[in-house]
C-alpha cells in the first residue's frame, strides 16, 4: 500500500458524521464523514472530540482495495 499525504480539511464540526448499520448499541463504533475534497474522515464514536483521521480520496480507495484483497 502506498504512503499518501493527509488531506487538508475544514473543521470537523462542519462535517456530517455517520455510523455503519452494522454498529452495535454498545457504541464501539467508528464514525465516518465524507470530506469536501472527496476524502474521508474517521473518528471514535465514544470520543467525538478526540483524534480524527483524515484520508485523501486516493488513500481511502487504496485502503479499501487492500482490505478487499486481504492485504491488511
N, C-alpha and C. Protein backbone atom coordinates (compact mmCIF):
# COMPACT_ATOMS: atom_id res chain seq x y z
N UNK A 1 0.84 -1.17 0.00
CA UNK A 1 0.00 0.00 0.00
C UNK A 1 0.89 1.23 0.00
N UNK A 2 0.49 2.26 -0.72
CA UNK A 2 1.28 3.48 -0.84
C UNK A 2 1.17 4.33 0.43
N UNK A 3 2.21 5.10 0.71
CA UNK A 3 2.14 6.13 1.74
C UNK A 3 1.65 7.40 1.05
N UNK A 4 0.54 7.94 1.52
CA UNK A 4 -0.05 9.12 0.89
C UNK A 4 -0.21 10.23 1.91
N UNK A 5 -0.18 11.46 1.44
CA UNK A 5 -0.30 12.61 2.33
C UNK A 5 -1.70 12.71 2.90
N UNK A 6 -1.80 13.29 4.08
CA UNK A 6 -3.10 13.53 4.71
C UNK A 6 -3.84 14.63 3.96
N UNK A 7 -5.15 14.56 4.00
CA UNK A 7 -6.00 15.54 3.34
C UNK A 7 -6.12 16.79 4.21
N UNK A 8 -6.21 17.94 3.59
CA UNK A 8 -6.47 19.20 4.30
C UNK A 8 -7.99 19.34 4.39
N UNK A 9 -8.52 19.63 5.59
CA UNK A 9 -9.97 19.65 5.76
C UNK A 9 -10.44 20.88 6.50
N UNK A 10 -11.74 21.10 6.42
CA UNK A 10 -12.38 22.13 7.22
C UNK A 10 -12.58 21.58 8.63
N UNK A 11 -12.96 22.42 9.58
CA UNK A 11 -13.16 21.94 10.96
C UNK A 11 -14.14 20.76 11.01
N UNK A 12 -13.86 19.81 11.90
CA UNK A 12 -14.67 18.59 11.97
C UNK A 12 -16.11 18.87 12.37
N UNK A 13 -16.37 19.97 13.06
CA UNK A 13 -17.75 20.27 13.45
C UNK A 13 -18.61 20.60 12.23
N UNK A 14 -17.99 20.90 11.09
CA UNK A 14 -18.73 21.20 9.87
C UNK A 14 -19.05 19.95 9.06
N UNK A 15 -18.59 18.78 9.49
CA UNK A 15 -18.79 17.55 8.74
C UNK A 15 -20.05 16.82 9.20
N UNK A 16 -20.64 16.04 8.30
CA UNK A 16 -21.80 15.20 8.62
C UNK A 16 -21.30 13.79 8.89
N UNK A 17 -21.36 13.37 10.15
CA UNK A 17 -20.83 12.07 10.57
C UNK A 17 -21.91 11.00 10.52
N UNK A 18 -21.52 9.77 10.20
CA UNK A 18 -22.44 8.65 10.20
C UNK A 18 -21.74 7.39 10.68
N UNK A 19 -22.56 6.42 11.16
CA UNK A 19 -22.06 5.12 11.60
C UNK A 19 -22.63 4.05 10.69
N UNK A 20 -21.93 2.96 10.58
CA UNK A 20 -22.39 1.82 9.79
C UNK A 20 -23.67 1.24 10.40
N UNK A 21 -24.50 0.69 9.55
CA UNK A 21 -25.70 0.00 10.03
C UNK A 21 -25.32 -1.28 10.79
N UNK A 22 -24.07 -1.72 10.69
CA UNK A 22 -23.58 -2.89 11.41
C UNK A 22 -23.11 -2.53 12.82
N UNK A 23 -23.13 -1.25 13.19
CA UNK A 23 -22.67 -0.82 14.51
C UNK A 23 -23.59 -1.37 15.59
N UNK A 24 -23.01 -1.58 16.77
CA UNK A 24 -23.78 -2.14 17.88
C UNK A 24 -24.24 -1.04 18.83
N UNK A 25 -25.12 -1.39 19.73
CA UNK A 25 -25.65 -0.44 20.70
C UNK A 25 -24.63 -0.06 21.77
N UNK A 26 -23.54 -0.81 21.89
CA UNK A 26 -22.52 -0.52 22.90
C UNK A 26 -21.63 0.66 22.52
N UNK A 27 -21.85 1.28 21.41
CA UNK A 27 -21.08 2.44 20.94
C UNK A 27 -19.63 2.12 20.63
N UNK A 28 -19.31 0.89 20.31
CA UNK A 28 -17.96 0.52 19.89
C UNK A 28 -17.87 0.70 18.39
N UNK A 29 -17.94 1.94 17.96
CA UNK A 29 -18.10 2.22 16.54
C UNK A 29 -17.08 3.23 16.04
N UNK A 30 -16.88 3.19 14.76
CA UNK A 30 -16.12 4.21 14.07
C UNK A 30 -17.14 5.05 13.30
N UNK A 31 -17.03 6.35 13.38
CA UNK A 31 -17.88 7.24 12.60
C UNK A 31 -17.08 7.76 11.42
N UNK A 32 -17.75 7.94 10.31
CA UNK A 32 -17.10 8.41 9.09
C UNK A 32 -17.80 9.65 8.57
N UNK A 33 -17.04 10.48 7.87
CA UNK A 33 -17.60 11.67 7.22
C UNK A 33 -16.88 11.87 5.90
N UNK A 34 -17.65 12.15 4.87
CA UNK A 34 -17.09 12.46 3.56
C UNK A 34 -16.57 13.90 3.60
N UNK A 35 -15.33 14.08 3.17
CA UNK A 35 -14.73 15.41 3.17
C UNK A 35 -15.08 16.15 1.88
N UNK A 36 -15.14 17.48 1.93
CA UNK A 36 -15.45 18.26 0.72
C UNK A 36 -14.51 17.95 -0.44
N UNK A 37 -13.29 17.54 -0.14
CA UNK A 37 -12.29 17.23 -1.17
C UNK A 37 -12.50 15.86 -1.80
N UNK A 38 -13.44 15.06 -1.25
CA UNK A 38 -13.65 13.70 -1.73
C UNK A 38 -12.95 12.66 -0.88
N UNK A 39 -12.21 13.09 0.12
CA UNK A 39 -11.55 12.18 1.04
C UNK A 39 -12.50 11.69 2.12
N UNK A 40 -11.95 11.06 3.15
CA UNK A 40 -12.75 10.50 4.23
C UNK A 40 -12.11 10.85 5.57
N UNK A 41 -12.96 11.13 6.56
CA UNK A 41 -12.52 11.36 7.93
C UNK A 41 -13.12 10.27 8.81
N UNK A 42 -12.35 9.77 9.78
CA UNK A 42 -12.82 8.74 10.71
C UNK A 42 -12.54 9.18 12.13
N UNK A 43 -13.46 8.82 13.05
CA UNK A 43 -13.26 9.10 14.47
C UNK A 43 -13.95 8.02 15.30
N UNK A 44 -13.58 7.96 16.57
CA UNK A 44 -14.16 7.02 17.52
C UNK A 44 -15.49 7.60 18.01
N UNK A 45 -16.57 6.84 17.90
CA UNK A 45 -17.88 7.34 18.31
C UNK A 45 -17.96 7.61 19.81
N UNK A 46 -17.12 6.93 20.61
CA UNK A 46 -17.12 7.15 22.06
C UNK A 46 -16.39 8.44 22.44
N UNK A 47 -15.62 8.98 21.52
CA UNK A 47 -14.83 10.18 21.80
C UNK A 47 -14.85 11.12 20.59
N UNK A 48 -16.02 11.70 20.28
CA UNK A 48 -16.13 12.53 19.09
C UNK A 48 -15.27 13.79 19.11
N UNK A 49 -14.82 14.21 20.28
CA UNK A 49 -13.94 15.38 20.38
C UNK A 49 -12.47 14.99 20.28
N UNK A 50 -12.19 13.69 20.16
CA UNK A 50 -10.81 13.20 20.12
C UNK A 50 -10.20 13.28 18.73
N UNK A 51 -9.19 12.47 18.53
CA UNK A 51 -8.43 12.46 17.28
C UNK A 51 -9.31 12.07 16.10
N UNK A 52 -9.14 12.77 15.00
CA UNK A 52 -9.83 12.46 13.74
C UNK A 52 -8.77 12.12 12.70
N UNK A 53 -8.94 10.98 12.06
CA UNK A 53 -8.04 10.58 10.98
C UNK A 53 -8.59 11.09 9.66
N UNK A 54 -7.75 11.73 8.87
CA UNK A 54 -8.16 12.27 7.57
C UNK A 54 -7.42 11.51 6.47
N UNK A 55 -8.16 11.10 5.44
CA UNK A 55 -7.59 10.38 4.31
C UNK A 55 -7.95 11.10 3.02
N UNK A 56 -6.99 11.20 2.10
CA UNK A 56 -7.32 11.69 0.77
C UNK A 56 -8.21 10.66 0.09
N UNK A 57 -8.89 11.07 -0.96
CA UNK A 57 -9.70 10.12 -1.71
C UNK A 57 -8.86 8.96 -2.23
N UNK A 58 -7.66 9.27 -2.70
CA UNK A 58 -6.75 8.24 -3.22
C UNK A 58 -6.34 7.27 -2.12
N UNK A 59 -6.02 7.79 -0.95
CA UNK A 59 -5.61 6.94 0.17
C UNK A 59 -6.77 6.07 0.64
N UNK A 60 -7.98 6.62 0.70
CA UNK A 60 -9.15 5.87 1.14
C UNK A 60 -9.44 4.73 0.16
N UNK A 61 -9.36 5.01 -1.12
CA UNK A 61 -9.58 3.98 -2.14
C UNK A 61 -8.52 2.89 -2.03
N UNK A 62 -7.26 3.27 -1.85
CA UNK A 62 -6.17 2.29 -1.71
C UNK A 62 -6.39 1.42 -0.47
N UNK A 63 -6.85 2.01 0.63
CA UNK A 63 -7.14 1.27 1.86
C UNK A 63 -8.24 0.24 1.61
N UNK A 64 -9.33 0.66 0.98
CA UNK A 64 -10.44 -0.26 0.70
C UNK A 64 -10.00 -1.39 -0.23
N UNK A 65 -9.22 -1.08 -1.23
CA UNK A 65 -8.74 -2.11 -2.15
C UNK A 65 -7.83 -3.11 -1.44
N UNK A 66 -6.99 -2.62 -0.53
CA UNK A 66 -6.11 -3.51 0.24
C UNK A 66 -6.92 -4.42 1.15
N UNK A 67 -7.98 -3.90 1.76
CA UNK A 67 -8.86 -4.74 2.59
C UNK A 67 -9.50 -5.84 1.76
N UNK A 68 -10.06 -5.45 0.62
CA UNK A 68 -10.73 -6.43 -0.24
C UNK A 68 -9.77 -7.50 -0.75
N UNK A 69 -8.52 -7.13 -0.96
CA UNK A 69 -7.52 -8.07 -1.47
C UNK A 69 -6.90 -8.93 -0.36
N UNK A 70 -7.30 -8.67 0.90
CA UNK A 70 -6.76 -9.43 2.02
C UNK A 70 -5.34 -9.06 2.39
N UNK A 71 -4.92 -7.86 2.00
CA UNK A 71 -3.55 -7.41 2.28
C UNK A 71 -3.40 -6.80 3.67
N UNK A 72 -4.50 -6.55 4.35
CA UNK A 72 -4.44 -5.96 5.70
C UNK A 72 -5.07 -6.88 6.72
